[in-house]
Amino acid sequence: MLARSRVQTPAARALAAWWGIELGPGCHFYGLPMFRRIPESSMRIGANCEFRSARWSNMVGINRPCMLSTMAEGAVLEVGEGCGFSGAVIGCAARIVLGRRVMCGANVTITDTDWHPLDWRTRAEGRTGPVAAVSIGDDVWLGLNCTVLKGVTIGRRTVVGAGSIVSRDLPDGVIAAGAPAVPIRRLASADDPERAVLEFAGQGARP
């Protein structure tokens, strides 16, 4: 796996450069991602991020390569340092910001647009749907097959359960799950990144 990364990382860096994407140092690629940046938009990826696009790169089951795109002039996609992606899709028509060390489980989708309008006449004109910015805080973990929809803010250190659909804001330091995802439990010492112990009833420190 490391041998493949040594070959594919330079190729992915060349691909990012061709699309005019700012890619920080220390990023690693397992399989080639798909990038697309519309002119007059920006895409910035912080240092030490990891992208797993090949099926062999994560045994949890990746069903597609990582795909990061801007979809309109003026769109801004920013990824903080130390983030990890496995077959993640991020489609940005306005503004999507990921903090530091955001972990995206296999096949996560993050988008700030509906991609297509509800009205058939507007679709026929080729216009995209409504857009609203997405913000994901530091140390968030999005589980397998999560979908994050437009207009959502996810607080730092929150964990979102597998298969959830995030269509409303989530606070700092909670476990959330469902469709739509809602907080179901606080994380103990949510302000301390070194402690990831869950708070059970009657146990542990309360936030």
C-alpha atoms as a PDB file:
ATOM      1  CA  MET A   1       0.000   0.000   0.000  1.00  0.00           C
ATOM      2  CA  LEU A   2       2.808   2.427   0.875  1.00  0.00           C
ATOM      3  CA  ALA A   3       4.563   1.656  -2.393  1.00  0.00           C
ATOM      4  CA  ARG A   4       1.419   2.513  -4.336  1.00  0.00           C
ATOM      5  CA  SER A   5       1.010   5.748  -2.381  1.00  0.00           C
ATOM      6  CA  ARG A   6       4.556   6.787  -3.290  1.00  0.00           C
ATOM      7  CA  VAL A   7       3.591   6.556  -6.947  1.00  0.00           C
ATOM      8  CA  GLN A   8       0.055   7.925  -6.740  1.00  0.00           C
ATOM      9  CA  THR A   9       0.769  10.877  -4.445  1.00  0.00           C
ATOM     10  CA  PRO A  10       2.957  12.707  -6.997  1.00  0.00           C
ATOM     11  CA  ALA A  11       0.371  11.972  -9.701  1.00  0.00           C
ATOM     12  CA  ALA A  12      -2.423  13.365  -7.512  1.00  0.00           C
ATOM     13  CA  ARG A  13      -0.334  16.445  -6.744  1.00  0.00           C
ATOM     14  CA  ALA A  14       0.143  17.017 -10.462  1.00  0.00           C
ATOM     15  CA  LEU A  15      -3.598  16.635 -10.977  1.00  0.00           C
ATOM     16  CA  ALA A  16      -4.316  19.184  -8.237  1.00  0.00           C
ATOM     17  CA  ALA A  17      -1.830  21.616  -9.762  1.00  0.00           C
ATOM     18  CA  TRP A  18      -3.415  21.220 -13.197  1.00  0.00           C
ATOM     19  CA  TRP A  19      -6.816  22.183 -11.702  1.00  0.00           C
ATOM     20  CA  GLY A  20      -5.319  25.136  -9.823  1.00  0.00           C
ATOM     21  CA  ILE A  21      -5.951  23.626  -6.382  1.00  0.00           C
ATOM     22  CA  GLU A  22      -3.846  24.727  -3.404  1.00  0.00           C
ATOM     23  CA  LEU A  23      -2.576  21.512  -1.838  1.00  0.00           C
ATOM     24  CA  GLY A  24      -0.620  21.635   1.413  1.00  0.00           C
ATOM     25  CA  PRO A  25       2.535  19.632   2.127  1.00  0.00           C
ATOM     26  CA  GLY A  26       2.441  16.106   3.475  1.00  0.00           C
ATOM     27  CA  CYS A  27      -0.829  15.036   1.818  1.00  0.00           C
ATOM     28  CA  HIS A  28      -1.022  11.352   0.839  1.00  0.00           C
ATOM     29  CA  PHE A  29      -3.138   9.666  -1.816  1.00  0.00           C
ATOM     30  CA  TYR A  30      -4.119   6.009  -2.188  1.00  0.00           C
ATOM     31  CA  GLY A  31      -5.638   5.789  -5.649  1.00  0.00           C
ATOM     32  CA  LEU A  32      -6.277   8.874  -7.734  1.00  0.00           C
ATOM     33  CA  PRO A  33      -9.026  11.315  -6.684  1.00  0.00           C
ATOM     34  CA  MET A  34     -11.231  13.287  -9.042  1.00  0.00           C
ATOM     35  CA  PHE A  35     -10.805  17.074  -8.850  1.00  0.00           C
ATOM     36  CA  ARG A  36     -12.729  19.801 -10.654  1.00  0.00           C
ATOM     37  CA  ARG A  37     -12.394  23.525 -10.011  1.00  0.00           C
ATOM     38  CA  ILE A  38     -14.565  25.984 -11.910  1.00  0.00           C
ATOM     39  CA  PRO A  39     -12.715  29.159 -13.003  1.00  0.00           C
ATOM     40  CA  GLU A  40     -13.029  32.057 -10.550  1.00  0.00           C
ATOM     41  CA  SER A  41     -13.598  29.652  -7.655  1.00  0.00           C
ATOM     42  CA  SER A  42     -11.078  28.407  -5.103  1.00  0.00           C
ATOM     43  CA  MET A  43     -10.152  25.091  -3.499  1.00  0.00           C
ATOM     44  CA  ARG A  44      -7.602  24.900  -0.702  1.00  0.00           C
ATOM     45  CA  ILE A  45      -6.515  21.681   1.036  1.00  0.00           C
ATOM     46  CA  GLY A  46      -4.413  21.869   4.182  1.00  0.00           C
ATOM     47  CA  ALA A  47      -1.279  19.980   5.088  1.00  0.00           C
ATOM     48  CA  ASN A  48      -1.104  16.284   5.979  1.00  0.00           C
ATOM     49  CA  CYS A  49      -4.503  15.262   4.617  1.00  0.00           C
ATOM     50  CA  GLU A  50      -5.118  11.709   3.442  1.00  0.00           C
ATOM     51  CA  PHE A  51      -7.266  10.650   0.511  1.00  0.00           C
ATOM     52  CA  ARG A  52      -8.237   7.008  -0.030  1.00  0.00           C
ATOM     53  CA  SER A  53      -9.846   6.523  -3.418  1.00  0.00           C
ATOM     54  CA  ALA A  54      -8.904   2.943  -4.328  1.00  0.00           C
ATOM     55  CA  ARG A  55     -11.078   0.047  -3.208  1.00  0.00           C
ATOM     56  CA  TRP A  56      -8.054  -1.707  -1.707  1.00  0.00           C
ATOM     57  CA  SER A  57      -7.134   1.287   0.446  1.00  0.00           C
ATOM     58  CA  ASN A  58      -9.860   0.858   3.079  1.00  0.00           C
ATOM     59  CA  MET A  59     -11.420  -2.511   3.881  1.00  0.00           C
ATOM     60  CA  VAL A  60     -14.619  -0.921   5.207  1.00  0.00           C
ATOM     61  CA  GLY A  61     -15.748  -0.745   1.570  1.00  0.00           C
ATOM     62  CA  ILE A  62     -15.089   2.262  -0.655  1.00  0.00           C
ATOM     63  CA  ASN A  63     -17.434   2.351  -3.638  1.00  0.00           C
ATOM     64  CA  ARG A  64     -16.005   5.395  -5.458  1.00  0.00           C
ATOM     65  CA  PRO A  65     -12.936   7.641  -5.579  1.00  0.00           C
ATOM     66  CA  CYS A  66     -12.722  10.844  -3.588  1.00  0.00           C
ATOM     67  CA  MET A  67     -14.344  13.597  -5.651  1.00  0.00           C
ATOM     68  CA  LEU A  68     -13.895  17.277  -4.750  1.00  0.00           C
ATOM     69  CA  SER A  69     -15.416  19.950  -6.943  1.00  0.00           C
ATOM     70  CA  THR A  70     -16.471  23.561  -7.111  1.00  0.00           C
ATOM     71  CA  MET A  71     -19.578  24.150  -9.174  1.00  0.00           C
ATOM     72  CA  ALA A  72     -19.918  27.916  -9.622  1.00  0.00           C
ATOM     73  CA  GLU A  73     -17.852  31.077  -9.898  1.00  0.00           C
ATOM     74  CA  GLY A  74     -17.037  32.477  -6.475  1.00  0.00           C
ATOM     75  CA  ALA A  75     -17.375  29.109  -4.723  1.00  0.00           C
ATOM     76  CA  VAL A  76     -14.898  28.484  -1.891  1.00  0.00           C
ATOM     77  CA  LEU A  77     -13.938  25.001  -0.679  1.00  0.00           C
ATOM     78  CA  GLU A  78     -11.498  24.894   2.245  1.00  0.00           C
ATOM     79  CA  VAL A  79     -10.182  21.749   3.937  1.00  0.00           C
ATOM     80  CA  GLY A  80      -8.166  22.072   7.141  1.00  0.00           C
ATOM     81  CA  GLU A  81      -4.952  20.253   7.942  1.00  0.00           C
ATOM     82  CA  GLY A  82      -4.899  16.609   8.943  1.00  0.00           C
ATOM     83  CA  CYS A  83      -8.279  15.633   7.460  1.00  0.00           C
ATOM     84  CA  GLY A  84      -8.988  12.113   6.214  1.00  0.00           C
ATOM     85  CA  PHE A  85     -11.250  10.949   3.397  1.00  0.00           C
ATOM     86  CA  SER A  86     -12.267   7.525   2.042  1.00  0.00           C
ATOM     87  CA  GLY A  87     -14.338   7.755  -1.116  1.00  0.00           C
ATOM     88  CA  ALA A  88     -15.714  11.135   0.003  1.00  0.00           C
ATOM     89  CA  VAL A  89     -17.640  13.445  -2.327  1.00  0.00           C
ATOM     90  CA  ILE A  90     -17.590  17.194  -1.625  1.00  0.00           C
ATOM     91  CA  GLY A  91     -19.581  19.365  -4.028  1.00  0.00           C
ATOM     92  CA  CYS A  92     -19.329  23.112  -3.425  1.00  0.00           C
ATOM     93  CA  ALA A  93     -21.482  25.712  -5.156  1.00  0.00           C
ATOM     94  CA  ALA A  94     -21.060  28.479  -2.550  1.00  0.00           C
ATOM     95  CA  ARG A  95     -18.899  27.808   0.521  1.00  0.00           C
ATOM     96  CA  ILE A  96     -17.821  24.653   2.366  1.00  0.00           C
ATOM     97  CA  VAL A  97     -15.266  24.845   5.178  1.00  0.00           C
ATOM     98  CA  LEU A  98     -13.856  21.816   7.012  1.00  0.00           C
ATOM     99  CA  GLY A  99     -11.793  22.402  10.129  1.00  0.00           C
ATOM    100  CA  ARG A 100      -8.700  20.529  11.211  1.00  0.00           C
ATOM    101  CA  ARG A 101      -8.596  16.756  11.591  1.00  0.00           C
ATOM    102  CA  VAL A 102     -12.078  16.115  10.202  1.00  0.00           C
ATOM    103  CA  MET A 103     -12.457  12.392   9.536  1.00  0.00           C
ATOM    104  CA  CYS A 104     -14.848  11.242   6.820  1.00  0.00           C
ATOM    105  CA  GLY A 105     -15.761   7.552   6.855  1.00  0.00           C
ATOM    106  CA  ALA A 106     -16.241   5.638   3.630  1.00  0.00           C
ATOM    107  CA  ASN A 107     -18.536   7.193   1.018  1.00  0.00           C
ATOM    108  CA  VAL A 108     -19.440  10.378   2.905  1.00  0.00           C
ATOM    109  CA  THR A 109     -21.128  13.136   0.870  1.00  0.00           C
ATOM    110  CA  ILE A 110     -20.929  16.841   1.759  1.00  0.00           C
ATOM    111  CA  THR A 111     -22.746  19.415  -0.352  1.00  0.00           C
ATOM    112  CA  ASP A 112     -23.967  22.995  -0.047  1.00  0.00           C
ATOM    113  CA  THR A 113     -26.513  22.740  -2.856  1.00  0.00           C
ATOM    114  CA  ASP A 114     -29.508  20.660  -3.923  1.00  0.00           C
ATOM    115  CA  TRP A 115     -27.694  20.220  -7.283  1.00  0.00           C
ATOM    116  CA  HIS A 116     -31.017  20.453  -9.152  1.00  0.00           C
ATOM    117  CA  PRO A 117     -34.044  22.709  -8.539  1.00  0.00           C
ATOM    118  CA  LEU A 118     -37.392  21.197  -7.615  1.00  0.00           C
ATOM    119  CA  ASP A 119     -39.217  23.061 -10.372  1.00  0.00           C
ATOM    120  CA  TRP A 120     -38.924  21.278 -13.720  1.00  0.00           C
ATOM    121  CA  ARG A 121     -38.799  24.545 -15.676  1.00  0.00           C
ATOM    122  CA  THR A 122     -35.776  25.741 -13.720  1.00  0.00           C
ATOM    123  CA  ARG A 123     -34.122  22.359 -14.226  1.00  0.00           C
ATOM    124  CA  ALA A 124     -34.755  22.643 -17.946  1.00  0.00           C
ATOM    125  CA  GLU A 125     -32.817  25.914 -17.924  1.00  0.00           C
ATOM    126  CA  GLY A 126     -29.812  24.065 -16.532  1.00  0.00           C
ATOM    127  CA  ARG A 127     -29.652  25.993 -13.259  1.00  0.00           C
ATOM    128  CA  THR A 128     -28.478  24.482  -9.969  1.00  0.00           C
ATOM    129  CA  GLY A 129     -30.681  24.275  -6.917  1.00  0.00           C
ATOM    130  CA  PRO A 130     -30.626  26.505  -3.817  1.00  0.00           C
ATOM    131  CA  VAL A 131     -27.271  26.880  -2.045  1.00  0.00           C
ATOM    132  CA  ALA A 132     -26.268  27.556   1.580  1.00  0.00           C
ATOM    133  CA  ALA A 133     -22.849  27.371   3.201  1.00  0.00           C
ATOM    134  CA  VAL A 134     -21.628  24.347   5.182  1.00  0.00           C
ATOM    135  CA  SER A 135     -19.232  24.552   8.127  1.00  0.00           C
ATOM    136  CA  ILE A 136     -17.708  21.516   9.878  1.00  0.00           C
ATOM    137  CA  GLY A 137     -15.651  22.099  13.026  1.00  0.00           C
ATOM    138  CA  ASP A 138     -12.319  20.707  14.148  1.00  0.00           C
ATOM    139  CA  ASP A 139     -12.080  17.007  15.049  1.00  0.00           C
ATOM    140  CA  VAL A 140     -15.510  16.051  13.695  1.00  0.00           C
ATOM    141  CA  TRP A 141     -15.976  12.409  12.722  1.00  0.00           C
ATOM    142  CA  LEU A 142     -18.548  11.613  10.019  1.00  0.00           C
ATOM    143  CA  GLY A 143     -19.390   7.914   9.951  1.00  0.00           C
ATOM    144  CA  LEU A 144     -19.758   5.558   7.009  1.00  0.00           C
ATOM    145  CA  ASN A 145     -22.213   6.732   4.317  1.00  0.00           C
ATOM    146  CA  CYS A 146     -23.160  10.007   6.054  1.00  0.00           C
ATOM    147  CA  THR A 147     -24.671  12.814   3.994  1.00  0.00           C
ATOM    148  CA  VAL A 148     -24.236  16.464   5.023  1.00  0.00           C
ATOM    149  CA  LEU A 149     -26.667  18.813   3.283  1.00  0.00           C
ATOM    150  CA  LYS A 150     -26.688  22.539   2.568  1.00  0.00           C
ATOM    151  CA  GLY A 151     -26.825  25.199   5.259  1.00  0.00           C
ATOM    152  CA  VAL A 152     -25.482  22.968   8.047  1.00  0.00           C
ATOM    153  CA  THR A 153     -22.998  23.774  10.812  1.00  0.00           C
ATOM    154  CA  ILE A 154     -21.488  20.850  12.745  1.00  0.00           C
ATOM    155  CA  GLY A 155     -19.760  21.771  16.010  1.00  0.00           C
ATOM    156  CA  ARG A 156     -16.235  20.688  16.820  1.00  0.00           C
ATOM    157  CA  ARG A 157     -15.523  17.155  18.057  1.00  0.00           C
ATOM    158  CA  THR A 158     -19.003  15.920  17.215  1.00  0.00           C
ATOM    159  CA  VAL A 159     -19.410  12.335  15.996  1.00  0.00           C
ATOM    160  CA  VAL A 160     -22.113  11.538  13.425  1.00  0.00           C
ATOM    161  CA  GLY A 161     -23.290   7.924  13.216  1.00  0.00           C
ATOM    162  CA  ALA A 162     -23.097   5.801  10.081  1.00  0.00           C
ATOM    163  CA  GLY A 163     -25.781   6.372   7.478  1.00  0.00           C
ATOM    164  CA  SER A 164     -27.016   9.623   9.009  1.00  0.00           C
ATOM    165  CA  ILE A 165     -28.398  12.564   7.039  1.00  0.00           C
ATOM    166  CA  VAL A 166     -27.330  15.883   8.515  1.00  0.00           C
ATOM    167  CA  SER A 167     -29.887  18.487   7.452  1.00  0.00           C
ATOM    168  CA  ARG A 168     -29.792  20.732  10.543  1.00  0.00           C
ATOM    169  CA  ASP A 169     -27.109  22.197  12.783  1.00  0.00           C
ATOM    170  CA  LEU A 170     -25.385  20.004  15.379  1.00  0.00           C
ATOM    171  CA  PRO A 171     -23.672  21.415  18.497  1.00  0.00           C
ATOM    172  CA  ASP A 172     -20.150  20.807  19.774  1.00  0.00           C
ATOM    173  CA  GLY A 173     -19.203  17.555  21.424  1.00  0.00           C
ATOM    174  CA  VAL A 174     -22.170  15.257  20.820  1.00  0.00           C
ATOM    175  CA  ILE A 175     -22.918  11.932  19.216  1.00  0.00           C
ATOM    176  CA  ALA A 176     -25.636  12.438  16.614  1.00  0.00           C
ATOM    177  CA  ALA A 177     -27.441   9.952  14.398  1.00  0.00           C
ATOM    178  CA  GLY A 178     -30.550   9.472  12.326  1.00  0.00           C
ATOM    179  CA  ALA A 179     -32.342  10.935   9.326  1.00  0.00           C
ATOM    180  CA  PRO A 180     -32.362  13.759  10.087  1.00  0.00           C
ATOM    181  CA  ALA A 181     -29.438  13.463  12.489  1.00  0.00           C
ATOM    182  CA  VAL A 182     -30.138  14.660  16.034  1.00  0.00           C
ATOM    183  CA  PRO A 183     -27.934  14.659  19.157  1.00  0.00           C
ATOM    184  CA  ILE A 184     -28.395  11.503  21.203  1.00  0.00           C
ATOM    185  CA  ARG A 185     -25.607  11.804  23.757  1.00  0.00           C
ATOM    186  CA  ARG A 186     -22.965  14.205  24.983  1.00  0.00           C
ATOM    187  CA  LEU A 187     -19.306  13.280  24.785  1.00  0.00           C
ATOM    188  CA  ALA A 188     -17.475  13.389  28.117  1.00  0.00           C
ATOM    189  CA  SER A 189     -14.998  16.259  28.330  1.00  0.00           C
ATOM    190  CA  ALA A 190     -15.865  17.414  24.834  1.00  0.00           C
ATOM    191  CA  ASP A 191     -13.405  20.283  25.160  1.00  0.00           C
ATOM    192  CA  ASP A 192     -10.485  17.904  25.776  1.00  0.00           C
ATOM    193  CA  PRO A 193      -9.359  16.263  22.509  1.00  0.00           C
ATOM    194  CA  GLU A 194      -7.246  13.747  24.433  1.00  0.00           C
ATOM    195  CA  ARG A 195     -10.325  12.233  26.096  1.00  0.00           C
ATOM    196  CA  ALA A 196     -12.777  10.406  23.854  1.00  0.00           C
ATOM    197  CA  VAL A 197     -14.535   8.512  26.655  1.00  0.00           C
ATOM    198  CA  LEU A 198     -18.311   8.453  26.344  1.00  0.00           C
ATOM    199  CA  GLU A 199     -20.394   9.680  29.246  1.00  0.00           C
ATOM    200  CA  PHE A 200     -22.826   7.033  30.406  1.00  0.00           C
ATOM    201  CA  ALA A 201     -25.539   7.668  32.964  1.00  0.00           C
ATOM    202  CA  GLY A 202     -23.933   8.180  36.356  1.00  0.00           C
ATOM    203  CA  GLN A 203     -20.373   7.739  35.051  1.00  0.00           C
ATOM    204  CA  GLY A 204     -17.606  10.109  34.088  1.00  0.00           C
ATOM    205  CA  ALA A 205     -17.335  13.847  34.240  1.00  0.00           C
ATOM    206  CA  ARG A 206     -20.234  15.862  32.940  1.00  0.00           C
ATOM    207  CA  PRO A 207     -19.528  18.583  30.385  1.00  0.00           C
END
